[in-house]
Amino acid sequence: MFQLSKDEFDNWKSQFVTSNADTMRLRRPPNAFSEQGVAMLSAILKSEKAIKISIQIINAFVSMRKFILTNAQIFQRLKSLEKKQIETDKKFSDLFNAMESKASPR
């Protein structure tokens, strides 16, 4: 188990569209379990409910891993497009700045 960093917490909050306060009523970043942590926890928690929840959490990790692997090429293309868009935005900004400086009276 670990506590989310401030950046992780901010990113996590940005995943939810809510009208609540920006902390979502949390006073500090929540604790989270790694996949290995859930597996270790499931080895010691023996109640029927704990076993069912551990299986659901492990299945969620498996689903996330499959999703990431299945869509890795799309993620790479999005990253490439984002980089090109940033470069294009900078070129337009430079162009507009140059046009403004030549259009302004001297």
PDB file of N, CA and C in Angstrom:
ATOM      1  N   MET A   1       0.847  -1.168   0.000  1.00  0.00           N
ATOM      2  CA  MET A   1       0.000   0.000   0.000  1.00  0.00           C
ATOM      3  C   MET A   1       0.899   1.239   0.000  1.00  0.00           C
ATOM      4  N   PHE A   2       0.449   2.282  -0.699  1.00  0.00           N
ATOM      5  CA  PHE A   2       1.201   3.525  -0.741  1.00  0.00           C
ATOM      6  C   PHE A   2       0.218   4.679  -0.834  1.00  0.00           C
ATOM      7  N   GLN A   3       0.690   5.863  -0.519  1.00  0.00           N
ATOM      8  CA  GLN A   3      -0.151   7.048  -0.629  1.00  0.00           C
ATOM      9  C   GLN A   3       0.168   7.750  -1.937  1.00  0.00           C
ATOM     10  N   LEU A   4      -0.872   8.189  -2.634  1.00  0.00           N
ATOM     11  CA  LEU A   4      -0.663   8.887  -3.888  1.00  0.00           C
ATOM     12  C   LEU A   4       0.121  10.174  -3.649  1.00  0.00           C
ATOM     13  N   SER A   5       1.023  10.484  -4.569  1.00  0.00           N
ATOM     14  CA  SER A   5       1.758  11.754  -4.497  1.00  0.00           C
ATOM     15  C   SER A   5       0.795  12.887  -4.858  1.00  0.00           C
ATOM     16  N   LYS A   6       1.222  14.122  -4.664  1.00  0.00           N
ATOM     17  CA  LYS A   6       0.363  15.267  -4.992  1.00  0.00           C
ATOM     18  C   LYS A   6       0.012  15.265  -6.476  1.00  0.00           C
ATOM     19  N   ASP A   7       0.996  14.993  -7.343  1.00  0.00           N
ATOM     20  CA  ASP A   7       0.726  14.950  -8.786  1.00  0.00           C
ATOM     21  C   ASP A   7      -0.247  13.830  -9.129  1.00  0.00           C
ATOM     22  N   GLU A   8      -0.039  12.645  -8.538  1.00  0.00           N
ATOM     23  CA  GLU A   8      -0.951  11.529  -8.785  1.00  0.00           C
ATOM     24  C   GLU A   8      -2.355  11.861  -8.299  1.00  0.00           C
ATOM     25  N   PHE A   9      -2.433  12.493  -7.128  1.00  0.00           N
ATOM     26  CA  PHE A   9      -3.715  12.874  -6.555  1.00  0.00           C
ATOM     27  C   PHE A   9      -4.429  13.886  -7.452  1.00  0.00           C
ATOM     28  N   ASP A  10      -3.693  14.897  -7.932  1.00  0.00           N
ATOM     29  CA  ASP A  10      -4.280  15.896  -8.823  1.00  0.00           C
ATOM     30  C   ASP A  10      -4.749  15.261 -10.127  1.00  0.00           C
ATOM     31  N   ASN A  11      -3.949  14.342 -10.662  1.00  0.00           N
ATOM     32  CA  ASN A  11      -4.318  13.648 -11.890  1.00  0.00           C
ATOM     33  C   ASN A  11      -5.553  12.779 -11.657  1.00  0.00           C
ATOM     34  N   TRP A  12      -5.588  12.103 -10.515  1.00  0.00           N
ATOM     35  CA  TRP A  12      -6.728  11.257 -10.170  1.00  0.00           C
ATOM     36  C   TRP A  12      -7.997  12.094 -10.073  1.00  0.00           C
ATOM     37  N   LYS A  13      -7.885  13.266  -9.427  1.00  0.00           N
ATOM     38  CA  LYS A  13      -9.050  14.139  -9.294  1.00  0.00           C
ATOM     39  C   LYS A  13      -9.518  14.625 -10.656  1.00  0.00           C
ATOM     40  N   SER A  14      -8.595  14.859 -11.580  1.00  0.00           N
ATOM     41  CA  SER A  14      -8.973  15.372 -12.896  1.00  0.00           C
ATOM     42  C   SER A  14      -9.723  14.331 -13.718  1.00  0.00           C
ATOM     43  N   GLN A  15      -9.683  13.085 -13.300  1.00  0.00           N
ATOM     44  CA  GLN A  15     -10.384  12.030 -14.017  1.00  0.00           C
ATOM     45  C   GLN A  15     -11.890  12.026 -13.715  1.00  0.00           C
ATOM     46  N   PHE A  16     -12.297  12.762 -12.704  1.00  0.00           N
ATOM     47  CA  PHE A  16     -13.686  12.792 -12.292  1.00  0.00           C
ATOM     48  C   PHE A  16     -14.274  14.163 -12.574  1.00  0.00           C
ATOM     49  N   VAL A  17     -15.421  14.190 -13.224  1.00  0.00           N
ATOM     50  CA  VAL A  17     -16.104  15.450 -13.480  1.00  0.00           C
ATOM     51  C   VAL A  17     -17.128  15.621 -12.363  1.00  0.00           C
ATOM     52  N   THR A  18     -16.798  16.486 -11.419  1.00  0.00           N
ATOM     53  CA  THR A  18     -17.695  16.705 -10.284  1.00  0.00           C
ATOM     54  C   THR A  18     -17.805  18.183  -9.993  1.00  0.00           C
ATOM     55  N   SER A  19     -18.826  18.531  -9.263  1.00  0.00           N
ATOM     56  CA  SER A  19     -18.975  19.922  -8.846  1.00  0.00           C
ATOM     57  C   SER A  19     -18.535  20.102  -7.403  1.00  0.00           C
ATOM     58  N   ASN A  20     -18.025  19.055  -6.784  1.00  0.00           N
ATOM     59  CA  ASN A  20     -17.558  19.138  -5.398  1.00  0.00           C
ATOM     60  C   ASN A  20     -16.301  19.984  -5.316  1.00  0.00           C
ATOM     61  N   ALA A  21     -15.888  20.234  -4.105  1.00  0.00           N
ATOM     62  CA  ALA A  21     -14.630  20.952  -3.896  1.00  0.00           C
ATOM     63  C   ALA A  21     -13.511  20.191  -4.588  1.00  0.00           C
ATOM     64  N   ASP A  22     -12.438  20.902  -4.918  1.00  0.00           N
ATOM     65  CA  ASP A  22     -11.373  20.263  -5.701  1.00  0.00           C
ATOM     66  C   ASP A  22     -10.700  19.118  -4.961  1.00  0.00           C
ATOM     67  N   THR A  23     -10.879  19.008  -3.662  1.00  0.00           N
ATOM     68  CA  THR A  23     -10.290  17.873  -2.947  1.00  0.00           C
ATOM     69  C   THR A  23     -11.258  16.701  -2.884  1.00  0.00           C
ATOM     70  N   MET A  24     -12.456  16.873  -3.449  1.00  0.00           N
ATOM     71  CA  MET A  24     -13.468  15.814  -3.441  1.00  0.00           C
ATOM     72  C   MET A  24     -13.713  15.331  -2.015  1.00  0.00           C
ATOM     73  N   ARG A  25     -13.665  16.275  -1.081  1.00  0.00           N
ATOM     74  CA  ARG A  25     -13.919  16.011   0.324  1.00  0.00           C
ATOM     75  C   ARG A  25     -12.837  15.162   0.978  1.00  0.00           C
ATOM     76  N   LEU A  26     -11.707  15.034   0.331  1.00  0.00           N
ATOM     77  CA  LEU A  26     -10.588  14.292   0.908  1.00  0.00           C
ATOM     78  C   LEU A  26      -9.606  15.294   1.488  1.00  0.00           C
ATOM     79  N   ARG A  27      -9.136  15.023   2.678  1.00  0.00           N
ATOM     80  CA  ARG A  27      -8.200  15.940   3.320  1.00  0.00           C
ATOM     81  C   ARG A  27      -6.755  15.656   2.910  1.00  0.00           C
ATOM     82  N   ARG A  28      -6.492  14.450   2.452  1.00  0.00           N
ATOM     83  CA  ARG A  28      -5.142  14.079   2.033  1.00  0.00           C
ATOM     84  C   ARG A  28      -5.257  13.059   0.915  1.00  0.00           C
ATOM     85  N   PRO A  29      -4.195  12.886   0.148  1.00  0.00           N
ATOM     86  CA  PRO A  29      -4.261  11.894  -0.936  1.00  0.00           C
ATOM     87  C   PRO A  29      -4.599  10.508  -0.383  1.00  0.00           C
ATOM     88  N   PRO A  30      -5.423   9.756  -1.120  1.00  0.00           N
ATOM     89  CA  PRO A  30      -5.819   8.432  -0.635  1.00  0.00           C
ATOM     90  C   PRO A  30      -4.692   7.412  -0.738  1.00  0.00           C
ATOM     91  N   ASN A  31      -4.846   6.330  -0.008  1.00  0.00           N
ATOM     92  CA  ASN A  31      -3.913   5.213  -0.122  1.00  0.00           C
ATOM     93  C   ASN A  31      -4.348   4.331  -1.279  1.00  0.00           C
ATOM     94  N   ALA A  32      -3.413   3.679  -1.881  1.00  0.00           N
ATOM     95  CA  ALA A  32      -3.704   2.799  -3.011  1.00  0.00           C
ATOM     96  C   ALA A  32      -2.866   1.529  -2.863  1.00  0.00           C
ATOM     97  N   PHE A  33      -3.287   0.484  -3.525  1.00  0.00           N
ATOM     98  CA  PHE A  33      -2.554  -0.776  -3.510  1.00  0.00           C
ATOM     99  C   PHE A  33      -1.982  -1.045  -4.893  1.00  0.00           C
ATOM    100  N   SER A  34      -0.771  -1.543  -4.920  1.00  0.00           N
ATOM    101  CA  SER A  34      -0.206  -2.019  -6.178  1.00  0.00           C
ATOM    102  C   SER A  34      -0.809  -3.397  -6.448  1.00  0.00           C
ATOM    103  N   GLU A  35      -0.631  -3.888  -7.638  1.00  0.00           N
ATOM    104  CA  GLU A  35      -1.149  -5.224  -7.973  1.00  0.00           C
ATOM    105  C   GLU A  35      -0.539  -6.277  -7.050  1.00  0.00           C
ATOM    106  N   GLN A  36       0.758  -6.160  -6.793  1.00  0.00           N
ATOM    107  CA  GLN A  36       1.422  -7.114  -5.907  1.00  0.00           C
ATOM    108  C   GLN A  36       0.903  -6.970  -4.482  1.00  0.00           C
ATOM    109  N   GLY A  37       0.605  -5.741  -4.062  1.00  0.00           N
ATOM    110  CA  GLY A  37       0.059  -5.523  -2.730  1.00  0.00           C
ATOM    111  C   GLY A  37      -1.292  -6.173  -2.550  1.00  0.00           C
ATOM    112  N   VAL A  38      -2.126  -6.106  -3.569  1.00  0.00           N
ATOM    113  CA  VAL A  38      -3.439  -6.757  -3.508  1.00  0.00           C
ATOM    114  C   VAL A  38      -3.263  -8.267  -3.425  1.00  0.00           C
ATOM    115  N   ALA A  39      -2.332  -8.800  -4.209  1.00  0.00           N
ATOM    116  CA  ALA A  39      -2.084 -10.246  -4.167  1.00  0.00           C
ATOM    117  C   ALA A  39      -1.599 -10.674  -2.784  1.00  0.00           C
ATOM    118  N   MET A  40      -0.714  -9.874  -2.187  1.00  0.00           N
ATOM    119  CA  MET A  40      -0.218 -10.205  -0.841  1.00  0.00           C
ATOM    120  C   MET A  40      -1.341 -10.098   0.186  1.00  0.00           C
ATOM    121  N   LEU A  41      -2.161  -9.069   0.056  1.00  0.00           N
ATOM    122  CA  LEU A  41      -3.268  -8.882   0.983  1.00  0.00           C
ATOM    123  C   LEU A  41      -4.260 -10.030   0.879  1.00  0.00           C
ATOM    124  N   SER A  42      -4.536 -10.473  -0.345  1.00  0.00           N
ATOM    125  CA  SER A  42      -5.499 -11.560  -0.521  1.00  0.00           C
ATOM    126  C   SER A  42      -4.981 -12.869   0.074  1.00  0.00           C
ATOM    127  N   ALA A  43      -3.661 -12.975   0.228  1.00  0.00           N
ATOM    128  CA  ALA A  43      -3.093 -14.192   0.815  1.00  0.00           C
ATOM    129  C   ALA A  43      -3.356 -14.275   2.321  1.00  0.00           C
ATOM    130  N   ILE A  44      -3.588 -13.110   2.963  1.00  0.00           N
ATOM    131  CA  ILE A  44      -3.806 -13.150   4.412  1.00  0.00           C
ATOM    132  C   ILE A  44      -5.256 -12.911   4.816  1.00  0.00           C
ATOM    133  N   LEU A  45      -6.035 -12.272   3.949  1.00  0.00           N
ATOM    134  CA  LEU A  45      -7.453 -12.049   4.262  1.00  0.00           C
ATOM    135  C   LEU A  45      -8.258 -13.235   3.751  1.00  0.00           C
ATOM    136  N   LYS A  46      -8.927 -13.916   4.642  1.00  0.00           N
ATOM    137  CA  LYS A  46      -9.559 -15.183   4.267  1.00  0.00           C
ATOM    138  C   LYS A  46     -11.084 -15.148   4.261  1.00  0.00           C
ATOM    139  N   SER A  47     -11.704 -14.011   4.590  1.00  0.00           N
ATOM    140  CA  SER A  47     -13.162 -13.992   4.585  1.00  0.00           C
ATOM    141  C   SER A  47     -13.664 -14.101   3.145  1.00  0.00           C
ATOM    142  N   GLU A  48     -14.885 -14.557   2.994  1.00  0.00           N
ATOM    143  CA  GLU A  48     -15.454 -14.748   1.655  1.00  0.00           C
ATOM    144  C   GLU A  48     -15.537 -13.411   0.912  1.00  0.00           C
ATOM    145  N   LYS A  49     -15.937 -12.357   1.624  1.00  0.00           N
ATOM    146  CA  LYS A  49     -16.041 -11.032   1.011  1.00  0.00           C
ATOM    147  C   LYS A  49     -14.664 -10.526   0.577  1.00  0.00           C
ATOM    148  N   ALA A  50     -13.644 -10.704   1.433  1.00  0.00           N
ATOM    149  CA  ALA A  50     -12.287 -10.261   1.097  1.00  0.00           C
ATOM    150  C   ALA A  50     -11.770 -10.995  -0.134  1.00  0.00           C
ATOM    151  N   ILE A  51     -12.048 -12.282  -0.219  1.00  0.00           N
ATOM    152  CA  ILE A  51     -11.599 -13.069  -1.371  1.00  0.00           C
ATOM    153  C   ILE A  51     -12.273 -12.571  -2.645  1.00  0.00           C
ATOM    154  N   LYS A  52     -13.588 -12.315  -2.590  1.00  0.00           N
ATOM    155  CA  LYS A  52     -14.318 -11.833  -3.777  1.00  0.00           C
ATOM    156  C   LYS A  52     -13.782 -10.476  -4.232  1.00  0.00           C
ATOM    157  N   ILE A  53     -13.561  -9.575  -3.283  1.00  0.00           N
ATOM    158  CA  ILE A  53     -13.064  -8.249  -3.643  1.00  0.00           C
ATOM    159  C   ILE A  53     -11.645  -8.329  -4.187  1.00  0.00           C
ATOM    160  N   SER A  54     -10.802  -9.169  -3.595  1.00  0.00           N
ATOM    161  CA  SER A  54      -9.435  -9.344  -4.102  1.00  0.00           C
ATOM    162  C   SER A  54      -9.457  -9.841  -5.543  1.00  0.00           C
ATOM    163  N   ILE A  55     -10.336 -10.793  -5.829  1.00  0.00           N
ATOM    164  CA  ILE A  55     -10.453 -11.318  -7.200  1.00  0.00           C
ATOM    165  C   ILE A  55     -10.897 -10.215  -8.146  1.00  0.00           C
ATOM    166  N   GLN A  56     -11.854  -9.389  -7.726  1.00  0.00           N
ATOM    167  CA  GLN A  56     -12.313  -8.288  -8.576  1.00  0.00           C
ATOM    168  C   GLN A  56     -11.191  -7.292  -8.844  1.00  0.00           C
ATOM    169  N   ILE A  57     -10.411  -6.986  -7.816  1.00  0.00           N
ATOM    170  CA  ILE A  57      -9.319  -6.030  -7.988  1.00  0.00           C
ATOM    171  C   ILE A  57      -8.246  -6.599  -8.907  1.00  0.00           C
ATOM    172  N   ILE A  58      -7.881  -7.862  -8.700  1.00  0.00           N
ATOM    173  CA  ILE A  58      -6.887  -8.502  -9.581  1.00  0.00           C
ATOM    174  C   ILE A  58      -7.403  -8.517 -11.016  1.00  0.00           C
ATOM    175  N   ASN A  59      -8.684  -8.820 -11.204  1.00  0.00           N
ATOM    176  CA  ASN A  59      -9.272  -8.815 -12.551  1.00  0.00           C
ATOM    177  C   ASN A  59      -9.218  -7.419 -13.165  1.00  0.00           C
ATOM    178  N   ALA A  60      -9.399  -6.378 -12.340  1.00  0.00           N
ATOM    179  CA  ALA A  60      -9.297  -5.006 -12.849  1.00  0.00           C
ATOM    180  C   ALA A  60      -7.870  -4.714 -13.324  1.00  0.00           C
ATOM    181  N   PHE A  61      -6.868  -5.160 -12.558  1.00  0.00           N
ATOM    182  CA  PHE A  61      -5.475  -4.972 -12.986  1.00  0.00           C
ATOM    183  C   PHE A  61      -5.204  -5.718 -14.299  1.00  0.00           C
ATOM    184  N   VAL A  62      -5.714  -6.926 -14.411  1.00  0.00           N
ATOM    185  CA  VAL A  62      -5.532  -7.707 -15.642  1.00  0.00           C
ATOM    186  C   VAL A  62      -6.195  -6.991 -16.815  1.00  0.00           C
ATOM    187  N   SER A  63      -7.402  -6.480 -16.601  1.00  0.00           N
ATOM    188  CA  SER A  63      -8.105  -5.758 -17.664  1.00  0.00           C
ATOM    189  C   SER A  63      -7.351  -4.499 -18.080  1.00  0.00           C
ATOM    190  N   MET A  64      -6.821  -3.774 -17.100  1.00  0.00           N
ATOM    191  CA  MET A  64      -6.042  -2.571 -17.431  1.00  0.00           C
ATOM    192  C   MET A  64      -4.809  -2.933 -18.242  1.00  0.00           C
ATOM    193  N   ARG A  65      -4.115  -3.994 -17.828  1.00  0.00           N
ATOM    194  CA  ARG A  65      -2.910  -4.411 -18.556  1.00  0.00           C
ATOM    195  C   ARG A  65      -3.262  -4.791 -19.993  1.00  0.00           C
ATOM    196  N   LYS A  66      -4.358  -5.543 -20.184  1.00  0.00           N
ATOM    197  CA  LYS A  66      -4.783  -5.929 -21.535  1.00  0.00           C
ATOM    198  C   LYS A  66      -5.139  -4.696 -22.355  1.00  0.00           C
ATOM    199  N   PHE A  67      -5.842  -3.749 -21.741  1.00  0.00           N
ATOM    200  CA  PHE A  67      -6.230  -2.528 -22.444  1.00  0.00           C
ATOM    201  C   PHE A  67      -4.999  -1.764 -22.905  1.00  0.00           C
ATOM    202  N   ILE A  68      -4.031  -1.621 -22.019  1.00  0.00           N
ATOM    203  CA  ILE A  68      -2.812  -0.882 -22.358  1.00  0.00           C
ATOM    204  C   ILE A  68      -2.052  -1.585 -23.477  1.00  0.00           C
ATOM    205  N   LEU A  69      -1.915  -2.900 -23.380  1.00  0.00           N
ATOM    206  CA  LEU A  69      -1.198  -3.643 -24.425  1.00  0.00           C
ATOM    207  C   LEU A  69      -1.935  -3.588 -25.752  1.00  0.00           C
ATOM    208  N   THR A  70      -3.249  -3.712 -25.709  1.00  0.00           N
ATOM    209  CA  THR A  70      -4.055  -3.696 -26.928  1.00  0.00           C
ATOM    210  C   THR A  70      -3.996  -2.341 -27.614  1.00  0.00           C
ATOM    211  N   ASN A  71      -3.902  -1.280 -26.816  1.00  0.00           N
ATOM    212  CA  ASN A  71      -3.973   0.069 -27.364  1.00  0.00           C
ATOM    213  C   ASN A  71      -2.630   0.795 -27.356  1.00  0.00           C
ATOM    214  N   ALA A  72      -1.553   0.077 -27.149  1.00  0.00           N
ATOM    215  CA  ALA A  72      -0.230   0.703 -27.073  1.00  0.00           C
ATOM    216  C   ALA A  72       0.093   1.497 -28.336  1.00  0.00           C
ATOM    217  N   GLN A  73      -0.245   0.957 -29.487  1.00  0.00           N
ATOM    218  CA  GLN A  73       0.046   1.648 -30.745  1.00  0.00           C
ATOM    219  C   GLN A  73      -0.763   2.944 -30.840  1.00  0.00           C
ATOM    220  N   ILE A  74      -2.004   2.915 -30.411  1.00  0.00           N
ATOM    221  CA  ILE A  74      -2.835   4.124 -30.435  1.00  0.00           C
ATOM    222  C   ILE A  74      -2.252   5.171 -29.490  1.00  0.00           C
ATOM    223  N   PHE A  75      -1.827   4.739 -28.286  1.00  0.00           N
ATOM    224  CA  PHE A  75      -1.233   5.671 -27.339  1.00  0.00           C
ATOM    225  C   PHE A  75       0.026   6.311 -27.928  1.00  0.00           C
ATOM    226  N   GLN A  76       0.825   5.517 -28.625  1.00  0.00           N
ATOM    227  CA  GLN A  76       2.049   6.045 -29.238  1.00  0.00           C
ATOM    228  C   GLN A  76       1.710   7.052 -30.325  1.00  0.00           C
ATOM    229  N   ARG A  77       0.682   6.754 -31.125  1.00  0.00           N
ATOM    230  CA  ARG A  77       0.282   7.689 -32.176  1.00  0.00           C
ATOM    231  C   ARG A  77      -0.265   8.984 -31.578  1.00  0.00           C
ATOM    232  N   LEU A  78      -1.034   8.872 -30.498  1.00  0.00           N
ATOM    233  CA  LEU A  78      -1.542  10.073 -29.833  1.00  0.00           C
ATOM    234  C   LEU A  78      -0.402  10.922 -29.286  1.00  0.00           C
ATOM    235  N   LYS A  79       0.591  10.257 -28.721  1.00  0.00           N
ATOM    236  CA  LYS A  79       1.751  10.976 -28.195  1.00  0.00           C
ATOM    237  C   LYS A  79       2.472  11.708 -29.331  1.00  0.00           C
ATOM    238  N   SER A  80       2.613  11.042 -30.465  1.00  0.00           N
ATOM    239  CA  SER A  80       3.264  11.644 -31.624  1.00  0.00           C
ATOM    240  C   SER A  80       2.449  12.838 -32.142  1.00  0.00           C
ATOM    241  N   LEU A  81       1.127  12.672 -32.223  1.00  0.00           N
ATOM    242  CA  LEU A  81       0.267  13.768 -32.669  1.00  0.00           C
ATOM    243  C   LEU A  81       0.327  14.950 -31.705  1.00  0.00           C
ATOM    244  N   GLU A  82       0.355  14.659 -30.424  1.00  0.00           N
ATOM    245  CA  GLU A  82       0.448  15.720 -29.430  1.00  0.00           C
ATOM    246  C   GLU A  82       1.751  16.503 -29.595  1.00  0.00           C
ATOM    247  N   LYS A  83       2.837  15.792 -29.821  1.00  0.00           N
ATOM    248  CA  LYS A  83       4.134  16.449 -30.015  1.00  0.00           C
ATOM    249  C   LYS A  83       4.104  17.332 -31.263  1.00  0.00           C
ATOM    250  N   LYS A  84       3.532  16.814 -32.356  1.00  0.00           N
ATOM    251  CA  LYS A  84       3.442  17.599 -33.591  1.00  0.00           C
ATOM    252  C   LYS A  84       2.549  18.823 -33.389  1.00  0.00           C
ATOM    253  N   GLN A  85       1.465  18.663 -32.628  1.00  0.00           N
ATOM    254  CA  GLN A  85       0.567  19.786 -32.381  1.00  0.00           C
ATOM    255  C   GLN A  85       1.272  20.883 -31.587  1.00  0.00           C
ATOM    256  N   ILE A  86       2.062  20.495 -30.603  1.00  0.00           N
ATOM    257  CA  ILE A  86       2.820  21.473 -29.817  1.00  0.00           C
ATOM    258  C   ILE A  86       3.796  22.231 -30.724  1.00  0.00           C
ATOM    259  N   GLU A  87       4.474  21.507 -31.615  1.00  0.00           N
ATOM    260  CA  GLU A  87       5.404  22.146 -32.548  1.00  0.00           C
ATOM    261  C   GLU A  87       4.669  23.100 -33.488  1.00  0.00           C
ATOM    262  N   THR A  88       3.501  22.667 -33.977  1.00  0.00           N
ATOM    263  CA  THR A  88       2.705  23.503 -34.879  1.00  0.00           C
ATOM    264  C   THR A  88       2.211  24.752 -34.156  1.00  0.00           C
ATOM    265  N   ASP A  89       1.751  24.597 -32.916  1.00  0.00           N
ATOM    266  CA  ASP A  89       1.300  25.753 -32.131  1.00  0.00           C
ATOM    267  C   ASP A  89       2.423  26.768 -31.954  1.00  0.00           C
ATOM    268  N   LYS A  90       3.633  26.270 -31.697  1.00  0.00           N
ATOM    269  CA  LYS A  90       4.769  27.176 -31.521  1.00  0.00           C
ATOM    270  C   LYS A  90       5.077  27.908 -32.823  1.00  0.00           C
ATOM    271  N   LYS A  91       5.012  27.199 -33.954  1.00  0.00           N
ATOM    272  CA  LYS A  91       5.274  27.840 -35.246  1.00  0.00           C
ATOM    273  C   LYS A  91       4.236  28.921 -35.529  1.00  0.00           C
ATOM    274  N   PHE A  92       2.955  28.633 -35.247  1.00  0.00           N
ATOM    275  CA  PHE A  92       1.917  29.643 -35.451  1.00  0.00           C
ATOM    276  C   PHE A  92       2.140  30.841 -34.533  1.00  0.00           C
ATOM    277  N   SER A  93       2.497  30.578 -33.297  1.00  0.00           N
ATOM    278  CA  SER A  93       2.756  31.660 -32.355  1.00  0.00           C
ATOM    279  C   SER A  93       3.902  32.535 -32.852  1.00  0.00           C
ATOM    280  N   ASP A  94       4.969  31.895 -33.312  1.00  0.00           N
ATOM    281  CA  ASP A  94       6.113  32.645 -33.854  1.00  0.00           C
ATOM    282  C   ASP A  94       5.692  33.467 -35.076  1.00  0.00           C
ATOM    283  N   LEU A  95       4.883  32.877 -35.946  1.00  0.00           N
ATOM    284  CA  LEU A  95       4.411  33.557 -37.151  1.00  0.00           C
ATOM    285  C   LEU A  95       3.552  34.767 -36.780  1.00  0.00           C
ATOM    286  N   PHE A  96       2.603  34.578 -35.876  1.00  0.00           N
ATOM    287  CA  PHE A  96       1.736  35.685 -35.469  1.00  0.00           C
ATOM    288  C   PHE A  96       2.525  36.797 -34.785  1.00  0.00           C
ATOM    289  N   ASN A  97       3.496  36.423 -33.972  1.00  0.00           N
ATOM    290  CA  ASN A  97       4.342  37.428 -33.314  1.00  0.00           C
ATOM    291  C   ASN A  97       5.130  38.225 -34.348  1.00  0.00           C
ATOM    292  N   ALA A  98       5.646  37.531 -35.356  1.00  0.00           N
ATOM    293  CA  ALA A  98       6.400  38.219 -36.408  1.00  0.00           C
ATOM    294  C   ALA A  98       5.491  39.152 -37.201  1.00  0.00           C
ATOM    295  N   MET A  99       4.271  38.692 -37.489  1.00  0.00           N
ATOM    296  CA  MET A  99       3.319  39.530 -38.223  1.00  0.00           C
ATOM    297  C   MET A  99       2.936  40.764 -37.404  1.00  0.00           C
ATOM    298  N   GLU A 100       2.728  40.589 -36.120  1.00  0.00           N
ATOM    299  CA  GLU A 100       2.363  41.712 -35.243  1.00  0.00           C
ATOM    300  C   GLU A 100       3.492  42.727 -35.161  1.00  0.00           C
ATOM    301  N   SER A 101       4.710  42.232 -35.059  1.00  0.00           N
ATOM    302  CA  SER A 101       5.842  43.177 -34.933  1.00  0.00           C
ATOM    303  C   SER A 101       6.053  43.960 -36.209  1.00  0.00           C
ATOM    304  N   LYS A 102       5.758  43.393 -37.374  1.00  0.00           N
ATOM    305  CA  LYS A 102       5.898  44.120 -38.640  1.00  0.00           C
ATOM    306  C   LYS A 102       4.711  45.033 -38.886  1.00  0.00           C
ATOM    307  N   ALA A 103       3.555  44.710 -38.339  1.00  0.00           N
ATOM    308  CA  ALA A 103       2.348  45.522 -38.552  1.00  0.00           C
ATOM    309  C   ALA A 103       2.263  46.693 -37.607  1.00  0.00           C
ATOM    310  N   SER A 104       2.959  46.632 -36.486  1.00  0.00           N
ATOM    311  CA  SER A 104       2.871  47.731 -35.517  1.00  0.00           C
ATOM    312  C   SER A 104       3.639  48.951 -36.026  1.00  0.00           C
ATOM    313  N   PRO A 105       3.085  50.156 -35.790  1.00  0.00           N
ATOM    314  CA  PRO A 105       3.792  51.371 -36.266  1.00  0.00           C
ATOM    315  C   PRO A 105       5.087  51.584 -35.532  1.00  0.00           C
ATOM    316  N   ARG A 106       6.072  52.115 -36.244  1.00  0.00           N
ATOM    317  CA  ARG A 106       7.394  52.321 -35.653  1.00  0.00           C
ATOM    318  C   ARG A 106       7.636  53.763 -35.398  1.00  0.00           C
TER     319      ARG A 106
END
